[in-house]
C-alpha atoms as a PDB file:
ATOM      1  CA  UNK A   1      -0.986   0.686  -6.831  1.00  0.00           C
ATOM      2  CA  UNK A   2      -0.066   4.181  -5.684  1.00  0.00           C
ATOM      3  CA  UNK A   3       2.159   3.794  -2.233  1.00  0.00           C
ATOM      4  CA  UNK A   4       2.436   5.983   0.654  1.00  0.00           C
ATOM      5  CA  UNK A   5       5.271   5.283   2.987  1.00  0.00           C
ATOM      6  CA  UNK A   6       5.966   6.836   6.285  1.00  0.00           C
ATOM      7  CA  UNK A   7       8.365   6.858   9.210  1.00  0.00           C
ATOM      8  CA  UNK A   8       6.570   7.474  13.064  1.00  0.00           C
ATOM      9  CA  UNK A   9       8.275   7.799  16.154  1.00  0.00           C
ATOM     10  CA  UNK A  10       6.706   6.236  19.001  1.00  0.00           C
ATOM     11  CA  UNK A  11       5.079   9.606  19.558  1.00  0.00           C
ATOM     12  CA  UNK A  12       3.854   9.643  16.663  1.00  0.00           C
ATOM     13  CA  UNK A  13       6.201  12.236  15.402  1.00  0.00           C
ATOM     14  CA  UNK A  14       6.794  11.942  11.583  1.00  0.00           C
ATOM     15  CA  UNK A  15      10.379  11.129  10.717  1.00  0.00           C
ATOM     16  CA  UNK A  16      10.296  10.350   7.069  1.00  0.00           C
ATOM     17  CA  UNK A  17       7.702   9.725   4.266  1.00  0.00           C
ATOM     18  CA  UNK A  18       7.926   9.307   0.505  1.00  0.00           C
ATOM     19  CA  UNK A  19       5.073   8.515  -2.539  1.00  0.00           C
ATOM     20  CA  UNK A  20       6.084   6.232  -5.096  1.00  0.00           C
ATOM     21  CA  UNK A  21       4.297   3.713  -7.465  1.00  0.00           C
ATOM     22  CA  UNK A  22       4.494   0.469  -8.245  1.00  0.00           C
ATOM     23  CA  UNK A  23       7.214  -0.363 -10.864  1.00  0.00           C
ATOM     24  CA  UNK A  24       5.617  -3.824 -11.576  1.00  0.00           C
ATOM     25  CA  UNK A  25       4.219  -4.987 -15.049  1.00  0.00           C
ATOM     26  CA  UNK A  26       5.991  -1.620 -16.832  1.00  0.00           C
ATOM     27  CA  UNK A  27       4.498   0.200 -14.137  1.00  0.00           C
ATOM     28  CA  UNK A  28       6.205   3.984 -14.011  1.00  0.00           C
ATOM     29  CA  UNK A  29       7.339   4.219 -10.244  1.00  0.00           C
ATOM     30  CA  UNK A  30       4.770   7.180 -10.185  1.00  0.00           C
ATOM     31  CA  UNK A  31       1.987   7.288  -7.251  1.00  0.00           C
ATOM     32  CA  UNK A  32      -1.249   8.203  -8.672  1.00  0.00           C
ATOM     33  CA  UNK A  33      -3.283   7.625  -5.777  1.00  0.00           C
ATOM     34  CA  UNK A  34      -7.347   8.634  -6.337  1.00  0.00           C
ATOM     35  CA  UNK A  35      -9.451  10.702  -4.009  1.00  0.00           C
ATOM     36  CA  UNK A  36     -12.080  13.063  -4.592  1.00  0.00           C
ATOM     37  CA  UNK A  37     -10.699  16.383  -4.829  1.00  0.00           C
ATOM     38  CA  UNK A  38      -6.699  15.796  -5.929  1.00  0.00           C
ATOM     39  CA  UNK A  39      -5.655  18.982  -4.237  1.00  0.00           C
ATOM     40  CA  UNK A  40      -5.947  16.803  -0.854  1.00  0.00           C
ATOM     41  CA  UNK A  41      -3.855  13.789  -1.866  1.00  0.00           C
ATOM     42  CA  UNK A  42      -1.218  14.915   0.572  1.00  0.00           C
ATOM     43  CA  UNK A  43      -3.652  15.635   3.141  1.00  0.00           C
ATOM     44  CA  UNK A  44      -5.937  12.746   2.684  1.00  0.00           C
ATOM     45  CA  UNK A  45      -2.981   9.959   2.887  1.00  0.00           C
ATOM     46  CA  UNK A  46      -1.463  11.781   5.827  1.00  0.00           C
ATOM     47  CA  UNK A  47      -4.630  11.604   7.289  1.00  0.00           C
ATOM     48  CA  UNK A  48      -5.826   7.900   6.686  1.00  0.00           C
ATOM     49  CA  UNK A  49      -2.165   6.952   7.914  1.00  0.00           C
ATOM     50  CA  UNK A  50      -2.753   8.505  11.177  1.00  0.00           C
ATOM     51  CA  UNK A  51      -5.952   7.471  11.554  1.00  0.00           C
ATOM     52  CA  UNK A  52      -5.133   3.781  11.801  1.00  0.00           C
ATOM     53  CA  UNK A  53      -2.642   4.252  14.490  1.00  0.00           C
ATOM     54  CA  UNK A  54      -5.382   3.102  16.819  1.00  0.00           C
ATOM     55  CA  UNK A  55      -5.682   0.143  15.068  1.00  0.00           C
ATOM     56  CA  UNK A  56      -1.796  -0.406  15.016  1.00  0.00           C
ATOM     57  CA  UNK A  57      -1.798   0.156  18.768  1.00  0.00           C
ATOM     58  CA  UNK A  58      -4.434  -3.025  19.042  1.00  0.00           C
ATOM     59  CA  UNK A  59      -2.436  -5.131  16.560  1.00  0.00           C
ATOM     60  CA  UNK A  60       1.056  -5.129  18.572  1.00  0.00           C
ATOM     61  CA  UNK A  61      -0.270  -6.703  21.637  1.00  0.00           C
ATOM     62  CA  UNK A  62      -1.474  -9.763  19.120  1.00  0.00           C
ATOM     63  CA  UNK A  63       1.519 -11.152  18.660  1.00  0.00           C
ATOM     64  CA  UNK A  64       5.446 -11.188  19.020  1.00  0.00           C
ATOM     65  CA  UNK A  65       6.269 -10.088  14.944  1.00  0.00           C
ATOM     66  CA  UNK A  66       7.331  -6.755  13.751  1.00  0.00           C
ATOM     67  CA  UNK A  67       5.552  -6.973  11.088  1.00  0.00           C
ATOM     68  CA  UNK A  68       1.707  -6.820  11.472  1.00  0.00           C
ATOM     69  CA  UNK A  69       0.349  -7.039   7.998  1.00  0.00           C
ATOM     70  CA  UNK A  70      -2.771  -5.322   6.669  1.00  0.00           C
ATOM     71  CA  UNK A  71      -4.021  -3.626   9.877  1.00  0.00           C
ATOM     72  CA  UNK A  72      -6.763  -1.130   8.545  1.00  0.00           C
ATOM     73  CA  UNK A  73      -8.820  -0.272   5.375  1.00  0.00           C
ATOM     74  CA  UNK A  74     -10.045   2.764   3.971  1.00  0.00           C
ATOM     75  CA  UNK A  75     -13.166   1.638   1.983  1.00  0.00           C
ATOM     76  CA  UNK A  76     -14.178   5.272   0.525  1.00  0.00           C
ATOM     77  CA  UNK A  77     -10.895   5.603  -1.450  1.00  0.00           C
ATOM     78  CA  UNK A  78     -10.192   1.704  -1.303  1.00  0.00           C
ATOM     79  CA  UNK A  79      -7.116   2.300   0.499  1.00  0.00           C
ATOM     80  CA  UNK A  80      -5.536  -0.225   2.847  1.00  0.00           C
ATOM     81  CA  UNK A  81      -2.539   0.491   5.416  1.00  0.00           C
ATOM     82  CA  UNK A  82      -0.150  -2.566   6.404  1.00  0.00           C
ATOM     83  CA  UNK A  83       2.053  -1.870   9.432  1.00  0.00           C
ATOM     84  CA  UNK A  84       5.809  -2.808  10.829  1.00  0.00           C
ATOM     85  CA  UNK A  85       6.864  -1.866  14.390  1.00  0.00           C
ATOM     86  CA  UNK A  86      10.372  -2.031  15.433  1.00  0.00           C
ATOM     87  CA  UNK A  87      11.592  -3.300  18.869  1.00  0.00           C
ATOM     88  CA  UNK A  88      12.348   0.680  19.851  1.00  0.00           C
ATOM     89  CA  UNK A  89       8.682   1.370  19.023  1.00  0.00           C
ATOM     90  CA  UNK A  90       8.533   3.057  15.857  1.00  0.00           C
ATOM     91  CA  UNK A  91       6.165   2.759  13.334  1.00  0.00           C
ATOM     92  CA  UNK A  92       6.770   2.014   9.984  1.00  0.00           C
ATOM     93  CA  UNK A  93       3.393   2.294   7.734  1.00  0.00           C
ATOM     94  CA  UNK A  94       2.482   1.811   4.139  1.00  0.00           C
ATOM     95  CA  UNK A  95      -0.494   2.842   2.879  1.00  0.00           C
ATOM     96  CA  UNK A  96      -1.308   1.301  -0.778  1.00  0.00           C
ATOM     97  CA  UNK A  97      -4.476   2.003  -3.323  1.00  0.00           C
ATOM     98  CA  UNK A  98      -4.482  -0.569  -6.444  1.00  0.00           C
ATOM     99  CA  UNK A  99      -5.364   0.987  -9.648  1.00  0.00           C
ATOM    100  CA  UNK A 100      -8.706   1.804 -10.947  1.00  0.00           C
ATOM    101  CA  UNK A 101     -10.639  -1.016 -12.362  1.00  0.00           C
ATOM    102  CA  UNK A 102     -11.220  -0.835 -16.144  1.00  0.00           C
ATOM    103  CA  UNK A 103     -15.014  -0.553 -16.756  1.00  0.00           C
ATOM    104  CA  UNK A 104     -16.612  -2.218 -19.674  1.00  0.00           C
ATOM    105  CA  UNK A 105     -18.310   0.038 -22.176  1.00  0.00           C
ATOM    106  CA  UNK A 106     -21.947   0.738 -20.801  1.00  0.00           C
ATOM    107  CA  UNK A 107     -23.353  -0.964 -23.489  1.00  0.00           C
ATOM    108  CA  UNK A 108     -22.212  -3.946 -21.527  1.00  0.00           C
ATOM    109  CA  UNK A 109     -24.209  -6.516 -19.040  1.00  0.00           C
ATOM    110  CA  UNK A 110     -27.779  -6.011 -21.266  1.00  0.00           C
ATOM    111  CA  UNK A 111     -27.273  -3.502 -23.369  1.00  0.00           C
ATOM    112  CA  UNK A 112     -29.737  -0.929 -20.425  1.00  0.00           C
ATOM    113  CA  UNK A 113     -26.274   1.052 -20.283  1.00  0.00           C
ATOM    114  CA  UNK A 114     -26.857   2.217 -16.987  1.00  0.00           C
ATOM    115  CA  UNK A 115     -24.961   1.870 -13.337  1.00  0.00           C
ATOM    116  CA  UNK A 116     -26.330  -1.132 -12.410  1.00  0.00           C
ATOM    117  CA  UNK A 117     -25.565  -3.112 -15.734  1.00  0.00           C
ATOM    118  CA  UNK A 118     -21.690  -2.043 -15.570  1.00  0.00           C
ATOM    119  CA  UNK A 119     -21.226  -2.820 -11.880  1.00  0.00           C
ATOM    120  CA  UNK A 120     -23.118  -6.054 -12.517  1.00  0.00           C
ATOM    121  CA  UNK A 121     -20.777  -6.593 -15.250  1.00  0.00           C
ATOM    122  CA  UNK A 122     -17.682  -5.596 -13.178  1.00  0.00           C
ATOM    123  CA  UNK A 123     -18.633  -7.926 -10.750  1.00  0.00           C
ATOM    124  CA  UNK A 124     -18.828 -10.842 -12.836  1.00  0.00           C
ATOM    125  CA  UNK A 125     -16.028 -10.294 -14.346  1.00  0.00           C
ATOM    126  CA  UNK A 126     -13.924  -9.974 -10.631  1.00  0.00           C
ATOM    127  CA  UNK A 127     -15.217 -13.283  -9.696  1.00  0.00           C
ATOM    128  CA  UNK A 128     -13.690 -14.990 -12.400  1.00  0.00           C
ATOM    129  CA  UNK A 129     -10.400 -13.421 -11.284  1.00  0.00           C
ATOM    130  CA  UNK A 130     -10.215 -16.226  -8.515  1.00  0.00           C
ATOM    131  CA  UNK A 131     -14.092 -16.186  -6.867  1.00  0.00           C
ATOM    132  CA  UNK A 132     -13.651 -13.325  -3.720  1.00  0.00           C
ATOM    133  CA  UNK A 133     -14.403 -10.617  -5.354  1.00  0.00           C
ATOM    134  CA  UNK A 134     -12.485  -7.726  -6.856  1.00  0.00           C
ATOM    135  CA  UNK A 135      -9.490  -7.277  -4.863  1.00  0.00           C
ATOM    136  CA  UNK A 136      -9.537 -10.921  -3.982  1.00  0.00           C
ATOM    137  CA  UNK A 137      -7.924 -14.555  -5.052  1.00  0.00           C
ATOM    138  CA  UNK A 138      -4.582 -14.776  -6.898  1.00  0.00           C
ATOM    139  CA  UNK A 139      -5.745 -16.552 -10.087  1.00  0.00           C
ATOM    140  CA  UNK A 140      -4.946 -14.699 -13.548  1.00  0.00           C
ATOM    141  CA  UNK A 141      -8.362 -12.962 -14.670  1.00  0.00           C
ATOM    142  CA  UNK A 142      -8.956 -12.417 -18.015  1.00  0.00           C
ATOM    143  CA  UNK A 143      -7.111  -9.596 -19.130  1.00  0.00           C
ATOM    144  CA  UNK A 144      -3.988 -11.775 -18.766  1.00  0.00           C
ATOM    145  CA  UNK A 145      -2.655 -10.095 -15.447  1.00  0.00           C
ATOM    146  CA  UNK A 146      -0.146 -12.425 -14.241  1.00  0.00           C
ATOM    147  CA  UNK A 147       1.648 -13.113 -10.641  1.00  0.00           C
ATOM    148  CA  UNK A 148       3.614  -9.772 -10.945  1.00  0.00           C
ATOM    149  CA  UNK A 149       0.840  -8.198 -11.460  1.00  0.00           C
ATOM    150  CA  UNK A 150      -1.305  -9.463  -8.564  1.00  0.00           C
ATOM    151  CA  UNK A 151       0.190  -7.482  -6.112  1.00  0.00           C
ATOM    152  CA  UNK A 152      -1.443  -4.338  -7.661  1.00  0.00           C
ATOM    153  CA  UNK A 153      -4.451  -6.169  -7.832  1.00  0.00           C
ATOM    154  CA  UNK A 154      -4.993  -7.742  -4.615  1.00  0.00           C
ATOM    155  CA  UNK A 155      -3.997  -5.222  -1.717  1.00  0.00           C
ATOM    156  CA  UNK A 156      -4.299  -8.617   1.041  1.00  0.00           C
ATOM    157  CA  UNK A 157      -3.437 -11.200  -1.217  1.00  0.00           C
ATOM    158  CA  UNK A 158      -0.454 -13.486   0.591  1.00  0.00           C
ATOM    159  CA  UNK A 159       1.830 -12.573  -2.306  1.00  0.00           C
ATOM    160  CA  UNK A 160       1.161  -9.146  -1.680  1.00  0.00           C
ATOM    161  CA  UNK A 161       1.572  -9.413   1.990  1.00  0.00           C
ATOM    162  CA  UNK A 162       5.058 -11.645   1.743  1.00  0.00           C
ATOM    163  CA  UNK A 163       6.163  -8.309  -0.852  1.00  0.00           C
ATOM    164  CA  UNK A 164       5.601  -6.060   1.637  1.00  0.00           C
ATOM    165  CA  UNK A 165       6.798  -7.728   4.277  1.00  0.00           C
ATOM    166  CA  UNK A 166      10.322  -7.661   2.217  1.00  0.00           C
ATOM    167  CA  UNK A 167       9.934  -4.656   1.297  1.00  0.00           C
ATOM    168  CA  UNK A 168       9.784  -3.459   5.301  1.00  0.00           C
ATOM    169  CA  UNK A 169      12.115  -5.332   6.107  1.00  0.00           C
ATOM    170  CA  UNK A 170      14.940  -3.857   3.965  1.00  0.00           C
ATOM    171  CA  UNK A 171      13.726  -0.566   4.635  1.00  0.00           C
ATOM    172  CA  UNK A 172      14.308  -1.876   8.420  1.00  0.00           C
ATOM    173  CA  UNK A 173      18.081  -2.675   7.781  1.00  0.00           C
ATOM    174  CA  UNK A 174      18.381   0.829   5.747  1.00  0.00           C
ATOM    175  CA  UNK A 175      16.898   2.386   8.810  1.00  0.00           C
ATOM    176  CA  UNK A 176      19.042   0.711  11.106  1.00  0.00           C
ATOM    177  CA  UNK A 177      22.027   1.481   9.575  1.00  0.00           C
ATOM    178  CA  UNK A 178      20.839   5.380   9.459  1.00  0.00           C
ATOM    179  CA  UNK A 179      20.144   6.051  12.815  1.00  0.00           C
ATOM    180  CA  UNK A 180      23.433   4.332  14.106  1.00  0.00           C
ATOM    181  CA  UNK A 181      25.017   7.318  12.185  1.00  0.00           C
ATOM    182  CA  UNK A 182      27.047   9.605  14.922  1.00  0.00           C
ATOM    183  CA  UNK A 183      25.546  12.328  13.191  1.00  0.00           C
ATOM    184  CA  UNK A 184      21.567  11.173  14.041  1.00  0.00           C
ATOM    185  CA  UNK A 185      20.363  12.112  16.712  1.00  0.00           C
ATOM    186  CA  UNK A 186      16.901  10.392  18.245  1.00  0.00           C
ATOM    187  CA  UNK A 187      13.831  11.454  16.946  1.00  0.00           C
ATOM    188  CA  UNK A 188      14.931  13.761  14.080  1.00  0.00           C
ATOM    189  CA  UNK A 189      13.745  13.892  10.664  1.00  0.00           C
ATOM    190  CA  UNK A 190      15.520  11.695   8.432  1.00  0.00           C
ATOM    191  CA  UNK A 191      16.818  13.729   5.447  1.00  0.00           C
ATOM    192  CA  UNK A 192      19.602  11.492   4.230  1.00  0.00           C
ATOM    193  CA  UNK A 193      19.283  10.925   0.389  1.00  0.00           C
ATOM    194  CA  UNK A 194      20.970   7.595   0.380  1.00  0.00           C
ATOM    195  CA  UNK A 195      18.324   6.581   2.999  1.00  0.00           C
ATOM    196  CA  UNK A 196      15.624   8.076   0.471  1.00  0.00           C
ATOM    197  CA  UNK A 197      17.573   6.392  -2.408  1.00  0.00           C
ATOM    198  CA  UNK A 198      17.553   3.093  -0.782  1.00  0.00           C
ATOM    199  CA  UNK A 199      13.145   3.213   0.142  1.00  0.00           C
ATOM    200  CA  UNK A 200      12.892   3.864  -3.480  1.00  0.00           C
ATOM    201  CA  UNK A 201      15.194   0.991  -4.429  1.00  0.00           C
ATOM    202  CA  UNK A 202      13.271  -1.636  -2.195  1.00  0.00           C
ATOM    203  CA  UNK A 203       9.785  -0.167  -3.540  1.00  0.00           C
ATOM    204  CA  UNK A 204      10.823  -0.970  -7.382  1.00  0.00           C
ATOM    205  CA  UNK A 205      12.463  -4.328  -6.023  1.00  0.00           C
ATOM    206  CA  UNK A 206       9.334  -5.551  -4.020  1.00  0.00           C
ATOM    207  CA  UNK A 207       6.507  -3.550  -5.407  1.00  0.00           C
END
């Protein structure tokens, strides 16, 4: 799973951002986003994040929770956006994109070797992972995935939502301590290396 985390002020001014990859199941912690043009990865992550703000504004009035869960999806890139809203109106947004599934050999699924047969084989194996599609379910698939890797395989599964909630909560605690510093001015970009290291540590711990 690849992640892009950003903090936006109540007026949508970027205050902090960081990209990282999963550290679970042998992950190296490096983000590897998959977009049509690799040179536009940075711009695409920001575009997807900001395009979800309308959904965030709708979701924030539907309940009293700070963690708003998964609020938006960008189907062309199989990317998902989760949100956390602070009492002051500052927004925490996490873009997460699951790794590309391993496609079966071209000869699998009837020997036709075409795209259709590969797709059918992929769909069949995905259903075997829990009966709810490629990213659904929480069971162990034929590849031997364990519950620790289900975070990367199921972006909207309950265990993934809980992991993201824990990450957001830990980052929020670090954020509060940072903005309470007498050297911090409201609306100023967060450049503290200590805060960045805490966000990275939270990512390694929960995601």
